[in-house]
């Protein structure tokens, strides 16, 4: 799913207005977005996932989020997998967190792959597995995710992956200096960070 596909939605102007309303009335904004999502708006699903990740005060938000997560999954809105996963993690539903990051990872979304690897590193909902974490981190790192590169360097340097693993870790670690310079350059020029910096 490309962002350009979202721009072709017939109700996009009204969907964007509903999302902007969140600064004055989050509940009204969320409910309006749900109406658009029920009509098939993919942009609304992305906005719903973002609002859920940040927190929304509705009694049945957990059930609603599960339903919208399934629709986002069916529509392959992989960016929504990251936000739904963060939202489920925030409320302590690690099973749904794992599911959201997993389907995003299956769709090849680097930030979700990174988050899934983090679950294996921390042992959240799954047993700690540094080999599985390394495998996922390497995939996300090859896709350019900076956080995956940082954690990959740490995993390689401080776990039992042999001398070649340690050498690879040192190389990844020194590669991170480029990204620190990039962040400084972007901040001085007011250029927003792109998805490789998402975590």
C-alpha atoms as a PDB file:
ATOM      1  CA  UNK A   1       0.000   0.000   0.000  1.00  0.00           C
ATOM      2  CA  UNK A   2       1.503   3.271  -1.120  1.00  0.00           C
ATOM      3  CA  UNK A   3       0.741   6.734   0.274  1.00  0.00           C
ATOM      4  CA  UNK A   4      -0.275   7.742  -3.260  1.00  0.00           C
ATOM      5  CA  UNK A   5      -3.066   5.129  -3.057  1.00  0.00           C
ATOM      6  CA  UNK A   6      -4.439   6.933  -0.002  1.00  0.00           C
ATOM      7  CA  UNK A   7      -4.541  10.276  -1.805  1.00  0.00           C
ATOM      8  CA  UNK A   8      -7.002   8.862  -4.337  1.00  0.00           C
ATOM      9  CA  UNK A   9      -9.675   8.300  -1.678  1.00  0.00           C
ATOM     10  CA  UNK A  10     -12.894  10.204  -2.458  1.00  0.00           C
ATOM     11  CA  UNK A  11     -13.433  11.449   1.132  1.00  0.00           C
ATOM     12  CA  UNK A  12      -9.801  12.315   1.897  1.00  0.00           C
ATOM     13  CA  UNK A  13     -10.507  15.999   2.618  1.00  0.00           C
ATOM     14  CA  UNK A  14     -13.189  15.100   5.183  1.00  0.00           C
ATOM     15  CA  UNK A  15     -11.005  12.323   6.635  1.00  0.00           C
ATOM     16  CA  UNK A  16      -8.163  14.810   7.127  1.00  0.00           C
ATOM     17  CA  UNK A  17     -10.586  17.278   8.755  1.00  0.00           C
ATOM     18  CA  UNK A  18     -11.790  14.548  11.124  1.00  0.00           C
ATOM     19  CA  UNK A  19      -8.178  13.750  12.054  1.00  0.00           C
ATOM     20  CA  UNK A  20      -7.318  17.422  12.646  1.00  0.00           C
ATOM     21  CA  UNK A  21     -10.263  17.608  15.059  1.00  0.00           C
ATOM     22  CA  UNK A  22      -8.255  15.425  17.494  1.00  0.00           C
ATOM     23  CA  UNK A  23      -6.591  18.517  18.950  1.00  0.00           C
ATOM     24  CA  UNK A  24      -9.945  19.817  20.229  1.00  0.00           C
ATOM     25  CA  UNK A  25     -12.060  16.661  20.677  1.00  0.00           C
ATOM     26  CA  UNK A  26     -10.206  13.332  20.473  1.00  0.00           C
ATOM     27  CA  UNK A  27     -13.289  11.158  20.992  1.00  0.00           C
ATOM     28  CA  UNK A  28     -15.329  12.922  18.305  1.00  0.00           C
ATOM     29  CA  UNK A  29     -12.353  12.752  15.950  1.00  0.00           C
ATOM     30  CA  UNK A  30     -11.859   9.028  16.571  1.00  0.00           C
ATOM     31  CA  UNK A  31     -15.560   8.212  16.099  1.00  0.00           C
ATOM     32  CA  UNK A  32     -15.692  10.209  12.856  1.00  0.00           C
ATOM     33  CA  UNK A  33     -12.634   8.359  11.560  1.00  0.00           C
ATOM     34  CA  UNK A  34     -14.298   5.058  12.441  1.00  0.00           C
ATOM     35  CA  UNK A  35     -17.273   6.013  10.255  1.00  0.00           C
ATOM     36  CA  UNK A  36     -14.969   6.643   7.309  1.00  0.00           C
ATOM     37  CA  UNK A  37     -13.011   3.441   7.985  1.00  0.00           C
ATOM     38  CA  UNK A  38     -16.263   1.467   8.010  1.00  0.00           C
ATOM     39  CA  UNK A  39     -16.878   2.783   4.472  1.00  0.00           C
ATOM     40  CA  UNK A  40     -13.450   1.479   3.389  1.00  0.00           C
ATOM     41  CA  UNK A  41     -11.196   4.494   3.970  1.00  0.00           C
ATOM     42  CA  UNK A  42      -7.620   3.289   4.328  1.00  0.00           C
ATOM     43  CA  UNK A  43      -6.390   6.734   5.382  1.00  0.00           C
ATOM     44  CA  UNK A  44      -8.835   6.557   8.302  1.00  0.00           C
ATOM     45  CA  UNK A  45      -7.358   3.220   9.364  1.00  0.00           C
ATOM     46  CA  UNK A  46      -3.902   4.798   9.485  1.00  0.00           C
ATOM     47  CA  UNK A  47      -5.207   7.718  11.530  1.00  0.00           C
ATOM     48  CA  UNK A  48      -7.100   5.364  13.875  1.00  0.00           C
ATOM     49  CA  UNK A  49      -3.934   3.328  14.433  1.00  0.00           C
ATOM     50  CA  UNK A  50      -1.978   6.514  15.216  1.00  0.00           C
ATOM     51  CA  UNK A  51      -4.587   7.714  17.725  1.00  0.00           C
ATOM     52  CA  UNK A  52      -4.724   4.292  19.364  1.00  0.00           C
ATOM     53  CA  UNK A  53      -0.924   4.267  19.731  1.00  0.00           C
ATOM     54  CA  UNK A  54      -1.022   7.662  21.445  1.00  0.00           C
ATOM     55  CA  UNK A  55      -3.956   6.717  23.686  1.00  0.00           C
ATOM     56  CA  UNK A  56      -7.690   7.286  23.383  1.00  0.00           C
ATOM     57  CA  UNK A  57     -10.164   7.187  26.284  1.00  0.00           C
ATOM     58  CA  UNK A  58     -12.977   4.855  25.208  1.00  0.00           C
ATOM     59  CA  UNK A  59     -14.299   2.017  27.363  1.00  0.00           C
ATOM     60  CA  UNK A  60     -14.165  -0.530  24.546  1.00  0.00           C
ATOM     61  CA  UNK A  61     -11.047   0.773  22.780  1.00  0.00           C
ATOM     62  CA  UNK A  62      -9.300  -2.585  23.066  1.00  0.00           C
ATOM     63  CA  UNK A  63     -12.007  -4.417  21.105  1.00  0.00           C
ATOM     64  CA  UNK A  64     -12.285  -1.596  18.591  1.00  0.00           C
ATOM     65  CA  UNK A  65      -8.521  -1.592  18.033  1.00  0.00           C
ATOM     66  CA  UNK A  66      -8.504  -5.347  17.465  1.00  0.00           C
ATOM     67  CA  UNK A  67     -11.206  -5.012  14.819  1.00  0.00           C
ATOM     68  CA  UNK A  68      -9.444  -2.138  13.018  1.00  0.00           C
ATOM     69  CA  UNK A  69      -6.105  -3.940  13.258  1.00  0.00           C
ATOM     70  CA  UNK A  70      -7.614  -6.886  11.383  1.00  0.00           C
ATOM     71  CA  UNK A  71      -8.924  -4.586   8.647  1.00  0.00           C
ATOM     72  CA  UNK A  72      -5.543  -2.846   8.347  1.00  0.00           C
ATOM     73  CA  UNK A  73      -3.895  -6.267   8.138  1.00  0.00           C
ATOM     74  CA  UNK A  74      -6.253  -7.341   5.330  1.00  0.00           C
ATOM     75  CA  UNK A  75      -5.539  -4.073   3.489  1.00  0.00           C
ATOM     76  CA  UNK A  76      -1.743  -4.474   3.966  1.00  0.00           C
ATOM     77  CA  UNK A  77      -1.417  -1.061   5.632  1.00  0.00           C
ATOM     78  CA  UNK A  78       1.918  -2.033   7.123  1.00  0.00           C
ATOM     79  CA  UNK A  79       2.536   1.371   8.727  1.00  0.00           C
ATOM     80  CA  UNK A  80      -0.626   0.781  10.784  1.00  0.00           C
ATOM     81  CA  UNK A  81       0.939  -2.438  12.123  1.00  0.00           C
ATOM     82  CA  UNK A  82       3.568  -0.343  13.900  1.00  0.00           C
ATOM     83  CA  UNK A  83       0.993   1.952  15.509  1.00  0.00           C
ATOM     84  CA  UNK A  84      -1.407  -0.816  16.476  1.00  0.00           C
ATOM     85  CA  UNK A  85       1.497  -2.777  17.942  1.00  0.00           C
ATOM     86  CA  UNK A  86       2.613   0.233  19.980  1.00  0.00           C
ATOM     87  CA  UNK A  87      -0.941   0.778  21.217  1.00  0.00           C
ATOM     88  CA  UNK A  88      -1.402  -2.838  22.275  1.00  0.00           C
ATOM     89  CA  UNK A  89       2.004  -2.739  23.975  1.00  0.00           C
ATOM     90  CA  UNK A  90       1.005   0.426  25.858  1.00  0.00           C
ATOM     91  CA  UNK A  91      -2.066  -1.311  27.337  1.00  0.00           C
ATOM     92  CA  UNK A  92      -0.187  -4.560  28.049  1.00  0.00           C
ATOM     93  CA  UNK A  93      -1.785  -6.849  25.447  1.00  0.00           C
ATOM     94  CA  UNK A  94       1.451  -8.507  24.287  1.00  0.00           C
ATOM     95  CA  UNK A  95      -0.319 -11.193  22.276  1.00  0.00           C
ATOM     96  CA  UNK A  96      -1.945  -8.526  20.066  1.00  0.00           C
ATOM     97  CA  UNK A  97       1.318  -6.554  20.063  1.00  0.00           C
ATOM     98  CA  UNK A  98       3.141  -9.605  18.724  1.00  0.00           C
ATOM     99  CA  UNK A  99       0.425 -10.180  16.111  1.00  0.00           C
ATOM    100  CA  UNK A 100       0.509  -6.573  14.873  1.00  0.00           C
ATOM    101  CA  UNK A 101       4.292  -6.434  14.585  1.00  0.00           C
ATOM    102  CA  UNK A 102       4.316  -9.904  12.987  1.00  0.00           C
ATOM    103  CA  UNK A 103       1.938  -9.039  10.170  1.00  0.00           C
ATOM    104  CA  UNK A 104       3.824  -5.796   9.549  1.00  0.00           C
ATOM    105  CA  UNK A 105       7.063  -7.778   9.444  1.00  0.00           C
ATOM    106  CA  UNK A 106       5.507 -10.260   7.019  1.00  0.00           C
ATOM    107  CA  UNK A 107       4.567  -7.304   4.816  1.00  0.00           C
ATOM    108  CA  UNK A 108       8.230  -6.197   4.955  1.00  0.00           C
ATOM    109  CA  UNK A 109       7.822  -3.016   7.008  1.00  0.00           C
ATOM    110  CA  UNK A 110      11.207  -2.337   8.650  1.00  0.00           C
ATOM    111  CA  UNK A 111       9.954  -0.537  11.806  1.00  0.00           C
ATOM    112  CA  UNK A 112       7.620  -3.467  12.572  1.00  0.00           C
ATOM    113  CA  UNK A 113      10.420  -5.948  11.924  1.00  0.00           C
ATOM    114  CA  UNK A 114      12.559  -3.970  14.369  1.00  0.00           C
ATOM    115  CA  UNK A 115       9.802  -3.966  17.013  1.00  0.00           C
ATOM    116  CA  UNK A 116       9.273  -7.720  16.597  1.00  0.00           C
ATOM    117  CA  UNK A 117      13.014  -8.251  17.070  1.00  0.00           C
ATOM    118  CA  UNK A 118      12.839  -6.142  20.239  1.00  0.00           C
ATOM    119  CA  UNK A 119      10.189  -8.485  21.633  1.00  0.00           C
ATOM    120  CA  UNK A 120      12.604 -11.399  21.140  1.00  0.00           C
ATOM    121  CA  UNK A 121      15.414  -9.383  22.738  1.00  0.00           C
ATOM    122  CA  UNK A 122      13.355  -8.472  25.801  1.00  0.00           C
ATOM    123  CA  UNK A 123      11.347 -11.692  26.089  1.00  0.00           C
ATOM    124  CA  UNK A 124       7.993  -9.894  25.843  1.00  0.00           C
ATOM    125  CA  UNK A 125       5.271 -12.505  25.191  1.00  0.00           C
ATOM    126  CA  UNK A 126       7.926 -14.746  23.598  1.00  0.00           C
ATOM    127  CA  UNK A 127      10.955 -16.481  25.060  1.00  0.00           C
ATOM    128  CA  UNK A 128      14.189 -14.478  24.752  1.00  0.00           C
ATOM    129  CA  UNK A 129      15.881 -15.585  21.553  1.00  0.00           C
ATOM    130  CA  UNK A 130      18.998 -13.670  20.505  1.00  0.00           C
ATOM    131  CA  UNK A 131      19.399 -15.682  17.297  1.00  0.00           C
ATOM    132  CA  UNK A 132      15.850 -14.879  16.137  1.00  0.00           C
ATOM    133  CA  UNK A 133      16.344 -11.262  17.204  1.00  0.00           C
ATOM    134  CA  UNK A 134      19.610 -11.090  15.238  1.00  0.00           C
ATOM    135  CA  UNK A 135      17.916 -12.538  12.150  1.00  0.00           C
ATOM    136  CA  UNK A 136      15.130  -9.944  12.296  1.00  0.00           C
ATOM    137  CA  UNK A 137      17.488  -7.085  13.111  1.00  0.00           C
ATOM    138  CA  UNK A 138      19.674  -7.963  10.126  1.00  0.00           C
ATOM    139  CA  UNK A 139      16.626  -7.827   7.833  1.00  0.00           C
ATOM    140  CA  UNK A 140      15.498  -4.444   9.190  1.00  0.00           C
ATOM    141  CA  UNK A 141      19.070  -3.103   9.174  1.00  0.00           C
ATOM    142  CA  UNK A 142      19.499  -4.070   5.505  1.00  0.00           C
ATOM    143  CA  UNK A 143      16.324  -2.086   4.841  1.00  0.00           C
ATOM    144  CA  UNK A 144      18.009   0.926   6.444  1.00  0.00           C
ATOM    145  CA  UNK A 145      16.312   1.071   9.856  1.00  0.00           C
ATOM    146  CA  UNK A 146      18.741   2.914  12.135  1.00  0.00           C
ATOM    147  CA  UNK A 147      17.341   1.496  15.394  1.00  0.00           C
ATOM    148  CA  UNK A 148      17.763  -2.028  14.037  1.00  0.00           C
ATOM    149  CA  UNK A 149      21.392  -1.225  13.210  1.00  0.00           C
ATOM    150  CA  UNK A 150      21.969   0.087  16.741  1.00  0.00           C
ATOM    151  CA  UNK A 151      20.457  -3.011  18.384  1.00  0.00           C
ATOM    152  CA  UNK A 152      22.175  -5.338  15.910  1.00  0.00           C
ATOM    153  CA  UNK A 153      25.563  -3.853  16.847  1.00  0.00           C
ATOM    154  CA  UNK A 154      24.746  -4.383  20.527  1.00  0.00           C
ATOM    155  CA  UNK A 155      23.548  -7.987  19.995  1.00  0.00           C
ATOM    156  CA  UNK A 156      26.628  -8.889  17.970  1.00  0.00           C
ATOM    157  CA  UNK A 157      29.087  -7.260  20.349  1.00  0.00           C
ATOM    158  CA  UNK A 158      27.665  -8.527  23.630  1.00  0.00           C
ATOM    159  CA  UNK A 159      26.350 -12.011  22.813  1.00  0.00           C
ATOM    160  CA  UNK A 160      27.995 -15.235  21.809  1.00  0.00           C
ATOM    161  CA  UNK A 161      28.212 -14.915  18.026  1.00  0.00           C
ATOM    162  CA  UNK A 162      31.944 -15.555  17.750  1.00  0.00           C
ATOM    163  CA  UNK A 163      34.764 -13.361  16.542  1.00  0.00           C
ATOM    164  CA  UNK A 164      33.137 -12.760  13.143  1.00  0.00           C
ATOM    165  CA  UNK A 165      29.970 -11.611  14.884  1.00  0.00           C
ATOM    166  CA  UNK A 166      31.972  -9.188  17.015  1.00  0.00           C
ATOM    167  CA  UNK A 167      33.764  -7.825  13.923  1.00  0.00           C
ATOM    168  CA  UNK A 168      30.416  -7.394  12.177  1.00  0.00           C
ATOM    169  CA  UNK A 169      29.129  -5.622  15.299  1.00  0.00           C
ATOM    170  CA  UNK A 170      32.056  -3.188  15.274  1.00  0.00           C
ATOM    171  CA  UNK A 171      31.422  -2.403  11.587  1.00  0.00           C
ATOM    172  CA  UNK A 172      27.721  -1.790  12.218  1.00  0.00           C
ATOM    173  CA  UNK A 173      28.559   0.366  15.257  1.00  0.00           C
ATOM    174  CA  UNK A 174      30.912   2.643  13.304  1.00  0.00           C
ATOM    175  CA  UNK A 175      28.365   2.865  10.483  1.00  0.00           C
ATOM    176  CA  UNK A 176      25.977   4.515  12.949  1.00  0.00           C
ATOM    177  CA  UNK A 177      28.119   7.666  13.075  1.00  0.00           C
ATOM    178  CA  UNK A 178      26.890   8.546   9.578  1.00  0.00           C
ATOM    179  CA  UNK A 179      23.296   8.590  10.863  1.00  0.00           C
ATOM    180  CA  UNK A 180      24.169  10.832  13.800  1.00  0.00           C
ATOM    181  CA  UNK A 181      25.642  13.340  11.348  1.00  0.00           C
ATOM    182  CA  UNK A 182      22.550  12.966   9.136  1.00  0.00           C
ATOM    183  CA  UNK A 183      20.247  13.729  12.090  1.00  0.00           C
ATOM    184  CA  UNK A 184      22.245  16.848  12.970  1.00  0.00           C
ATOM    185  CA  UNK A 185      22.194  18.039   9.350  1.00  0.00           C
ATOM    186  CA  UNK A 186      18.433  17.472   9.102  1.00  0.00           C
ATOM    187  CA  UNK A 187      17.778  19.332  12.370  1.00  0.00           C
ATOM    188  CA  UNK A 188      19.848  22.343  11.312  1.00  0.00           C
ATOM    189  CA  UNK A 189      17.994  22.467   7.981  1.00  0.00           C
ATOM    190  CA  UNK A 190      14.541  21.665   9.466  1.00  0.00           C
ATOM    191  CA  UNK A 191      14.207  18.524   7.336  1.00  0.00           C
ATOM    192  CA  UNK A 192      11.906  15.923   8.926  1.00  0.00           C
ATOM    193  CA  UNK A 193      13.294  12.474   9.697  1.00  0.00           C
ATOM    194  CA  UNK A 194      12.155   9.704   7.362  1.00  0.00           C
ATOM    195  CA  UNK A 195      11.028   6.154   8.146  1.00  0.00           C
ATOM    196  CA  UNK A 196      14.526   4.757   8.606  1.00  0.00           C
ATOM    197  CA  UNK A 197      14.508   6.597  11.947  1.00  0.00           C
ATOM    198  CA  UNK A 198      11.144   5.137  13.052  1.00  0.00           C
ATOM    199  CA  UNK A 199      11.144   2.795  16.023  1.00  0.00           C
END
